[in-house]
All heavy atoms as atom14 arrays in JSON, in Angstrom:
{
  "sequence": "PGVGGHAAGDRESYGRILRVSPSRGVGVALEGLRSPC",
  "atom14_mask": [
    [1, 1, 1, 1, 1, 1, 1, 0, 0, 0, 0, 0, 0, 0],
    [1, 1, 1, 1, 0, 0, 0, 0, 0, 0, 0, 0, 0, 0],
    [1, 1, 1, 1, 1, 1, 1, 0, 0, 0, 0, 0, 0, 0],
    [1, 1, 1, 1, 0, 0, 0, 0, 0, 0, 0, 0, 0, 0],
    [1, 1, 1, 1, 0, 0, 0, 0, 0, 0, 0, 0, 0, 0],
    [1, 1, 1, 1, 1, 1, 1, 1, 1, 1, 0, 0, 0, 0],
    [1, 1, 1, 1, 1, 0, 0, 0, 0, 0, 0, 0, 0, 0],
    [1, 1, 1, 1, 1, 0, 0, 0, 0, 0, 0, 0, 0, 0],
    [1, 1, 1, 1, 0, 0, 0, 0, 0, 0, 0, 0, 0, 0],
    [1, 1, 1, 1, 1, 1, 1, 1, 0, 0, 0, 0, 0, 0],
    [1, 1, 1, 1, 1, 1, 1, 1, 1, 1, 1, 0, 0, 0],
    [1, 1, 1, 1, 1, 1, 1, 1, 1, 0, 0, 0, 0, 0],
    [1, 1, 1, 1, 1, 1, 0, 0, 0, 0, 0, 0, 0, 0],
    [1, 1, 1, 1, 1, 1, 1, 1, 1, 1, 1, 1, 0, 0],
    [1, 1, 1, 1, 0, 0, 0, 0, 0, 0, 0, 0, 0, 0],
    [1, 1, 1, 1, 1, 1, 1, 1, 1, 1, 1, 0, 0, 0],
    [1, 1, 1, 1, 1, 1, 1, 1, 0, 0, 0, 0, 0, 0],
    [1, 1, 1, 1, 1, 1, 1, 1, 0, 0, 0, 0, 0, 0],
    [1, 1, 1, 1, 1, 1, 1, 1, 1, 1, 1, 0, 0, 0],
    [1, 1, 1, 1, 1, 1, 1, 0, 0, 0, 0, 0, 0, 0],
    [1, 1, 1, 1, 1, 1, 0, 0, 0, 0, 0, 0, 0, 0],
    [1, 1, 1, 1, 1, 1, 1, 0, 0, 0, 0, 0, 0, 0],
    [1, 1, 1, 1, 1, 1, 0, 0, 0, 0, 0, 0, 0, 0],
    [1, 1, 1, 1, 1, 1, 1, 1, 1, 1, 1, 0, 0, 0],
    [1, 1, 1, 1, 0, 0, 0, 0, 0, 0, 0, 0, 0, 0],
    [1, 1, 1, 1, 1, 1, 1, 0, 0, 0, 0, 0, 0, 0],
    [1, 1, 1, 1, 0, 0, 0, 0, 0, 0, 0, 0, 0, 0],
    [1, 1, 1, 1, 1, 1, 1, 0, 0, 0, 0, 0, 0, 0],
    [1, 1, 1, 1, 1, 0, 0, 0, 0, 0, 0, 0, 0, 0],
    [1, 1, 1, 1, 1, 1, 1, 1, 0, 0, 0, 0, 0, 0],
    [1, 1, 1, 1, 1, 1, 1, 1, 1, 0, 0, 0, 0, 0],
    [1, 1, 1, 1, 0, 0, 0, 0, 0, 0, 0, 0, 0, 0],
    [1, 1, 1, 1, 1, 1, 1, 1, 0, 0, 0, 0, 0, 0],
    [1, 1, 1, 1, 1, 1, 1, 1, 1, 1, 1, 0, 0, 0],
    [1, 1, 1, 1, 1, 1, 0, 0, 0, 0, 0, 0, 0, 0],
    [1, 1, 1, 1, 1, 1, 1, 0, 0, 0, 0, 0, 0, 0],
    [1, 1, 1, 1, 1, 1, 0, 0, 0, 0, 0, 0, 0, 0]
  ],
  "atom14_positions": [
    [[267.58, -5.12, -148.85], [266.7, -5.6, -147.77], [267.19, -5.08, -146.43], [268.36, -5.17, -146.1], [266.83, -7.13, -147.85], [267.3, -7.39, -149.25], [268.17, -6.23, -149.62], [0.0, 0.0, 0.0], [0.0, 0.0, 0.0], [0.0, 0.0, 0.0], [0.0, 0.0, 0.0], [0.0, 0.0, 0.0], [0.0, 0.0, 0.0], [0.0, 0.0, 0.0]],
    [[266.27, -4.53, -145.67], [266.6, -4.07, -144.34], [267.31, -2.74, -144.31], [267.77, -2.32, -143.25], [0.0, 0.0, 0.0], [0.0, 0.0, 0.0], [0.0, 0.0, 0.0], [0.0, 0.0, 0.0], [0.0, 0.0, 0.0], [0.0, 0.0, 0.0], [0.0, 0.0, 0.0], [0.0, 0.0, 0.0], [0.0, 0.0, 0.0], [0.0, 0.0, 0.0]],
    [[267.4, -2.02, -145.43], [268.09, -0.74, -145.41], [267.39, 0.2, -144.45], [266.18, 0.24, -144.39], [268.16, -0.1, -146.82], [266.79, 0.23, -147.34], [269.01, 1.17, -146.79], [0.0, 0.0, 0.0], [0.0, 0.0, 0.0], [0.0, 0.0, 0.0], [0.0, 0.0, 0.0], [0.0, 0.0, 0.0], [0.0, 0.0, 0.0], [0.0, 0.0, 0.0]],
    [[268.15, 0.95, -143.7], [267.58, 1.87, -142.73], [266.89, 1.17, -141.59], [266.09, 1.77, -140.89], [0.0, 0.0, 0.0], [0.0, 0.0, 0.0], [0.0, 0.0, 0.0], [0.0, 0.0, 0.0], [0.0, 0.0, 0.0], [0.0, 0.0, 0.0], [0.0, 0.0, 0.0], [0.0, 0.0, 0.0], [0.0, 0.0, 0.0], [0.0, 0.0, 0.0]],
    [[267.17, -0.11, -141.38], [266.57, -0.83, -140.26], [265.21, -1.39, -140.56], [264.51, -1.85, -139.67], [0.0, 0.0, 0.0], [0.0, 0.0, 0.0], [0.0, 0.0, 0.0], [0.0, 0.0, 0.0], [0.0, 0.0, 0.0], [0.0, 0.0, 0.0], [0.0, 0.0, 0.0], [0.0, 0.0, 0.0], [0.0, 0.0, 0.0], [0.0, 0.0, 0.0]],
    [[264.78, -1.37, -141.85], [263.45, -1.87, -142.19], [263.58, -2.98, -143.21], [264.43, -2.94, -144.1], [262.58, -0.76, -142.78], [262.29, 0.33, -141.79], [261.38, 0.2, -140.78], [262.84, 1.56, -141.65], [261.35, 1.31, -140.06], [262.23, 2.15, -140.56], [0.0, 0.0, 0.0], [0.0, 0.0, 0.0], [0.0, 0.0, 0.0], [0.0, 0.0, 0.0]],
    [[262.73, -3.96, -143.1], [262.68, -5.0, -144.1], [262.02, -4.46, -145.35], [261.33, -3.46, -145.32], [261.89, -6.21, -143.57], [0.0, 0.0, 0.0], [0.0, 0.0, 0.0], [0.0, 0.0, 0.0], [0.0, 0.0, 0.0], [0.0, 0.0, 0.0], [0.0, 0.0, 0.0], [0.0, 0.0, 0.0], [0.0, 0.0, 0.0], [0.0, 0.0, 0.0]],
    [[262.23, -5.17, -146.47], [261.68, -4.68, -147.74], [260.17, -4.53, -147.67], [259.6, -3.64, -148.27], [262.06, -5.65, -148.87], [0.0, 0.0, 0.0], [0.0, 0.0, 0.0], [0.0, 0.0, 0.0], [0.0, 0.0, 0.0], [0.0, 0.0, 0.0], [0.0, 0.0, 0.0], [0.0, 0.0, 0.0], [0.0, 0.0, 0.0], [0.0, 0.0, 0.0]],
    [[259.5, -5.38, -146.93], [258.05, -5.31, -146.85], [257.54, -4.12, -146.08], [256.34, -3.81, -146.12], [0.0, 0.0, 0.0], [0.0, 0.0, 0.0], [0.0, 0.0, 0.0], [0.0, 0.0, 0.0], [0.0, 0.0, 0.0], [0.0, 0.0, 0.0], [0.0, 0.0, 0.0], [0.0, 0.0, 0.0], [0.0, 0.0, 0.0], [0.0, 0.0, 0.0]],
    [[258.43, -3.43, -145.36], [257.99, -2.3, -144.56], [257.92, -1.01, -145.36], [257.49, 0.01, -144.85], [258.93, -2.07, -143.37], [258.89, -3.22, -142.38], [257.85, -3.88, -142.34], [259.89, -3.45, -141.69], [0.0, 0.0, 0.0], [0.0, 0.0, 0.0], [0.0, 0.0, 0.0], [0.0, 0.0, 0.0], [0.0, 0.0, 0.0], [0.0, 0.0, 0.0]],
    [[258.35, -1.02, -146.61], [258.43, 0.22, -147.37], [257.08, 0.87, -147.58], [256.96, 2.07, -147.7], [259.06, -0.04, -148.74], [260.47, -0.57, -148.63], [260.97, -1.0, -149.99], [262.17, -1.79, -149.86], [262.66, -2.56, -150.83], [262.05, -2.61, -151.97], [263.75, -3.25, -150.64], [0.0, 0.0, 0.0], [0.0, 0.0, 0.0], [0.0, 0.0, 0.0]],
    [[256.02, 0.04, -147.63], [254.7, 0.57, -147.92], [254.28, 1.61, -146.9], [253.5, 2.51, -147.2], [253.68, -0.58, -147.95], [252.3, -0.17, -148.44], [252.32, 0.26, -149.88], [253.18, -0.21, -150.65], [251.46, 1.08, -150.24], [0.0, 0.0, 0.0], [0.0, 0.0, 0.0], [0.0, 0.0, 0.0], [0.0, 0.0, 0.0], [0.0, 0.0, 0.0]],
    [[254.79, 1.51, -145.67], [254.41, 2.45, -144.63], [254.86, 3.86, -144.97], [254.28, 4.83, -144.51], [255.03, 2.04, -143.29], [254.59, 0.77, -142.9], [0.0, 0.0, 0.0], [0.0, 0.0, 0.0], [0.0, 0.0, 0.0], [0.0, 0.0, 0.0], [0.0, 0.0, 0.0], [0.0, 0.0, 0.0], [0.0, 0.0, 0.0], [0.0, 0.0, 0.0]],
    [[255.92, 3.98, -145.76], [256.49, 5.29, -146.04], [256.37, 5.67, -147.5], [256.97, 6.62, -147.96], [257.97, 5.31, -145.63], [258.16, 4.79, -144.23], [258.78, 3.58, -144.0], [257.67, 5.52, -143.15], [258.92, 3.11, -142.7], [257.81, 5.05, -141.86], [258.44, 3.85, -141.64], [258.58, 3.38, -140.38], [0.0, 0.0, 0.0], [0.0, 0.0, 0.0]],
    [[255.56, 4.91, -148.27], [255.48, 5.15, -149.69], [256.42, 4.17, -150.39], [257.16, 3.44, -149.77], [0.0, 0.0, 0.0], [0.0, 0.0, 0.0], [0.0, 0.0, 0.0], [0.0, 0.0, 0.0], [0.0, 0.0, 0.0], [0.0, 0.0, 0.0], [0.0, 0.0, 0.0], [0.0, 0.0, 0.0], [0.0, 0.0, 0.0], [0.0, 0.0, 0.0]],
    [[256.4, 4.14, -151.71], [257.28, 3.21, -152.4], [257.79, 3.8, -153.69], [257.21, 4.74, -154.23], [256.55, 1.89, -152.69], [255.29, 2.05, -153.51], [254.45, 0.77, -153.46], [253.19, 0.93, -154.15], [253.0, 0.62, -155.41], [253.98, 0.17, -156.14], [251.81, 0.78, -155.97], [0.0, 0.0, 0.0], [0.0, 0.0, 0.0], [0.0, 0.0, 0.0]],
    [[258.87, 3.24, -154.18], [259.45, 3.7, -155.43], [258.74, 2.99, -156.57], [258.68, 1.77, -156.63], [260.96, 3.41, -155.46], [261.64, 4.22, -154.36], [261.56, 3.73, -156.81], [263.1, 3.93, -154.2], [0.0, 0.0, 0.0], [0.0, 0.0, 0.0], [0.0, 0.0, 0.0], [0.0, 0.0, 0.0], [0.0, 0.0, 0.0], [0.0, 0.0, 0.0]],
    [[258.18, 3.77, -157.48], [257.41, 3.19, -158.57], [258.26, 2.92, -159.8], [258.1, 1.93, -160.47], [256.27, 4.14, -158.97], [255.09, 4.2, -158.02], [254.06, 5.16, -158.57], [254.46, 2.83, -157.85], [0.0, 0.0, 0.0], [0.0, 0.0, 0.0], [0.0, 0.0, 0.0], [0.0, 0.0, 0.0], [0.0, 0.0, 0.0], [0.0, 0.0, 0.0]],
    [[259.17, 3.84, -160.11], [259.93, 3.7, -161.34], [261.39, 4.03, -161.06], [261.69, 5.0, -160.37], [259.43, 4.64, -162.43], [258.01, 4.39, -162.86], [257.63, 5.39, -163.93], [258.51, 5.31, -165.07], [258.38, 4.44, -166.08], [257.41, 3.57, -166.05], [259.22, 4.44, -167.09], [0.0, 0.0, 0.0], [0.0, 0.0, 0.0], [0.0, 0.0, 0.0]],
    [[262.29, 3.26, -161.62], [263.71, 3.57, -161.5], [264.44, 2.95, -162.67], [264.06, 1.88, -163.14], [264.3, 3.05, -160.16], [264.27, 1.55, -160.1], [265.71, 3.56, -159.97], [0.0, 0.0, 0.0], [0.0, 0.0, 0.0], [0.0, 0.0, 0.0], [0.0, 0.0, 0.0], [0.0, 0.0, 0.0], [0.0, 0.0, 0.0], [0.0, 0.0, 0.0]],
    [[265.44, 3.63, -163.17], [266.26, 3.12, -164.27], [267.71, 3.1, -163.82], [268.49, 3.98, -164.19], [266.1, 3.98, -165.52], [264.76, 4.01, -165.94], [0.0, 0.0, 0.0], [0.0, 0.0, 0.0], [0.0, 0.0, 0.0], [0.0, 0.0, 0.0], [0.0, 0.0, 0.0], [0.0, 0.0, 0.0], [0.0, 0.0, 0.0], [0.0, 0.0, 0.0]],
    [[268.11, 2.15, -162.95], [269.46, 2.15, -162.42], [270.52, 1.99, -163.5], [271.63, 2.46, -163.36], [269.47, 0.95, -161.46], [268.33, 0.09, -161.91], [267.31, 1.02, -162.49], [0.0, 0.0, 0.0], [0.0, 0.0, 0.0], [0.0, 0.0, 0.0], [0.0, 0.0, 0.0], [0.0, 0.0, 0.0], [0.0, 0.0, 0.0], [0.0, 0.0, 0.0]],
    [[270.19, 1.33, -164.61], [271.18, 1.14, -165.66], [271.58, 2.46, -166.29], [272.7, 2.63, -166.76], [270.62, 0.2, -166.73], [269.46, 0.74, -167.32], [0.0, 0.0, 0.0], [0.0, 0.0, 0.0], [0.0, 0.0, 0.0], [0.0, 0.0, 0.0], [0.0, 0.0, 0.0], [0.0, 0.0, 0.0], [0.0, 0.0, 0.0], [0.0, 0.0, 0.0]],
    [[270.65, 3.41, -166.31], [270.97, 4.72, -166.88], [271.33, 5.73, -165.79], [271.68, 6.85, -166.09], [269.76, 5.23, -167.67], [269.62, 4.57, -169.03], [268.4, 5.08, -169.74], [267.21, 4.37, -169.3], [265.99, 4.71, -169.67], [265.81, 5.73, -170.47], [264.95, 4.04, -169.24], [0.0, 0.0, 0.0], [0.0, 0.0, 0.0], [0.0, 0.0, 0.0]],
    [[271.16, 5.32, -164.55], [271.54, 6.21, -163.46], [270.57, 7.34, -163.23], [270.9, 8.31, -162.56], [0.0, 0.0, 0.0], [0.0, 0.0, 0.0], [0.0, 0.0, 0.0], [0.0, 0.0, 0.0], [0.0, 0.0, 0.0], [0.0, 0.0, 0.0], [0.0, 0.0, 0.0], [0.0, 0.0, 0.0], [0.0, 0.0, 0.0], [0.0, 0.0, 0.0]],
    [[269.39, 7.26, -163.8], [268.42, 8.34, -163.63], [267.05, 7.76, -163.37], [266.81, 6.58, -163.59], [268.35, 9.24, -164.89], [269.65, 9.97, -165.1], [268.01, 8.41, -166.12], [0.0, 0.0, 0.0], [0.0, 0.0, 0.0], [0.0, 0.0, 0.0], [0.0, 0.0, 0.0], [0.0, 0.0, 0.0], [0.0, 0.0, 0.0], [0.0, 0.0, 0.0]],
    [[266.14, 8.6, -162.91], [264.75, 8.23, -162.87], [264.27, 7.52, -161.63], [263.98, 6.34, -161.67], [0.0, 0.0, 0.0], [0.0, 0.0, 0.0], [0.0, 0.0, 0.0], [0.0, 0.0, 0.0], [0.0, 0.0, 0.0], [0.0, 0.0, 0.0], [0.0, 0.0, 0.0], [0.0, 0.0, 0.0], [0.0, 0.0, 0.0], [0.0, 0.0, 0.0]],
    [[264.19, 8.21, -160.53], [263.58, 7.66, -159.33], [262.31, 8.44, -159.07], [262.34, 9.65, -158.94], [264.5, 7.77, -158.11], [263.79, 7.25, -156.87], [265.78, 6.98, -158.33], [0.0, 0.0, 0.0], [0.0, 0.0, 0.0], [0.0, 0.0, 0.0], [0.0, 0.0, 0.0], [0.0, 0.0, 0.0], [0.0, 0.0, 0.0], [0.0, 0.0, 0.0]],
    [[261.17, 7.76, -159.03], [259.9, 8.43, -158.79], [259.28, 7.84, -157.54], [259.15, 6.64, -157.42], [258.94, 8.24, -159.97], [0.0, 0.0, 0.0], [0.0, 0.0, 0.0], [0.0, 0.0, 0.0], [0.0, 0.0, 0.0], [0.0, 0.0, 0.0], [0.0, 0.0, 0.0], [0.0, 0.0, 0.0], [0.0, 0.0, 0.0], [0.0, 0.0, 0.0]],
    [[258.91, 8.69, -156.62], [258.32, 8.24, -155.36], [256.82, 8.34, -155.43], [256.27, 9.36, -155.81], [258.81, 9.11, -154.2], [260.29, 9.02, -153.86], [260.59, 10.0, -152.76], [260.66, 7.62, -153.46], [0.0, 0.0, 0.0], [0.0, 0.0, 0.0], [0.0, 0.0, 0.0], [0.0, 0.0, 0.0], [0.0, 0.0, 0.0], [0.0, 0.0, 0.0]],
    [[256.16, 7.25, -155.05], [254.73, 7.33, -154.86], [254.51, 7.98, -153.52], [255.14, 7.62, -152.52], [254.09, 5.95, -154.88], [252.58, 6.01, -154.67], [251.98, 4.64, -154.53], [252.71, 3.73, -154.11], [250.79, 4.49, -154.81], [0.0, 0.0, 0.0], [0.0, 0.0, 0.0], [0.0, 0.0, 0.0], [0.0, 0.0, 0.0], [0.0, 0.0, 0.0]],
    [[253.59, 8.94, -153.46], [253.32, 9.62, -152.21], [252.81, 8.68, -151.15], [252.25, 7.63, -151.44], [0.0, 0.0, 0.0], [0.0, 0.0, 0.0], [0.0, 0.0, 0.0], [0.0, 0.0, 0.0], [0.0, 0.0, 0.0], [0.0, 0.0, 0.0], [0.0, 0.0, 0.0], [0.0, 0.0, 0.0], [0.0, 0.0, 0.0], [0.0, 0.0, 0.0]],
    [[252.99, 9.04, -149.9], [252.46, 8.26, -148.8], [250.96, 8.16, -148.96], [250.31, 9.07, -149.43], [252.84, 8.93, -147.48], [254.33, 9.23, -147.34], [254.58, 10.0, -146.06], [255.12, 7.95, -147.36], [0.0, 0.0, 0.0], [0.0, 0.0, 0.0], [0.0, 0.0, 0.0], [0.0, 0.0, 0.0], [0.0, 0.0, 0.0], [0.0, 0.0, 0.0]],
    [[250.42, 7.08, -148.55], [249.06, 6.72, -148.9], [248.07, 7.86, -148.74], [247.93, 8.44, -147.68], [248.6, 5.52, -148.07], [249.29, 4.24, -148.44], [248.82, 3.11, -147.57], [247.38, 2.95, -147.65], [246.7, 2.16, -146.83], [247.32, 1.5, -145.9], [245.4, 2.06, -146.96], [0.0, 0.0, 0.0], [0.0, 0.0, 0.0], [0.0, 0.0, 0.0]],
    [[247.39, 8.19, -149.81], [246.4, 9.26, -149.81], [245.28, 8.88, -148.86], [244.91, 7.72, -148.78], [245.85, 9.45, -151.22], [244.89, 10.46, -151.26], [0.0, 0.0, 0.0], [0.0, 0.0, 0.0], [0.0, 0.0, 0.0], [0.0, 0.0, 0.0], [0.0, 0.0, 0.0], [0.0, 0.0, 0.0], [0.0, 0.0, 0.0], [0.0, 0.0, 0.0]],
    [[244.7, 9.86, -148.16], [244.92, 11.29, -148.28], [245.9, 11.85, -147.25], [245.8, 13.01, -146.88], [243.52, 11.85, -148.01], [242.99, 10.93, -146.95], [243.57, 9.55, -147.29], [0.0, 0.0, 0.0], [0.0, 0.0, 0.0], [0.0, 0.0, 0.0], [0.0, 0.0, 0.0], [0.0, 0.0, 0.0], [0.0, 0.0, 0.0], [0.0, 0.0, 0.0]],
    [[246.81, 11.03, -146.77], [247.64, 11.46, -145.66], [249.05, 11.83, -146.09], [249.96, 11.81, -145.29], [247.72, 10.34, -144.62], [248.27, 8.79, -145.33], [0.0, 0.0, 0.0], [0.0, 0.0, 0.0], [0.0, 0.0, 0.0], [0.0, 0.0, 0.0], [0.0, 0.0, 0.0], [0.0, 0.0, 0.0], [0.0, 0.0, 0.0], [0.0, 0.0, 0.0]]
  ]
}
C-alpha cells in the first residue's frame, strides 16, 4: 500500500497487474493503460 507514493486504489490510473505467481517467482502480466489511450 502506498508504494511509489500512491495508495493501492490509485493503481487503476496507470494500469493494473492482472496475474502474478509470487510463490513461483514468475509471471507478472500488466494490463495496458485504459484503452484506447
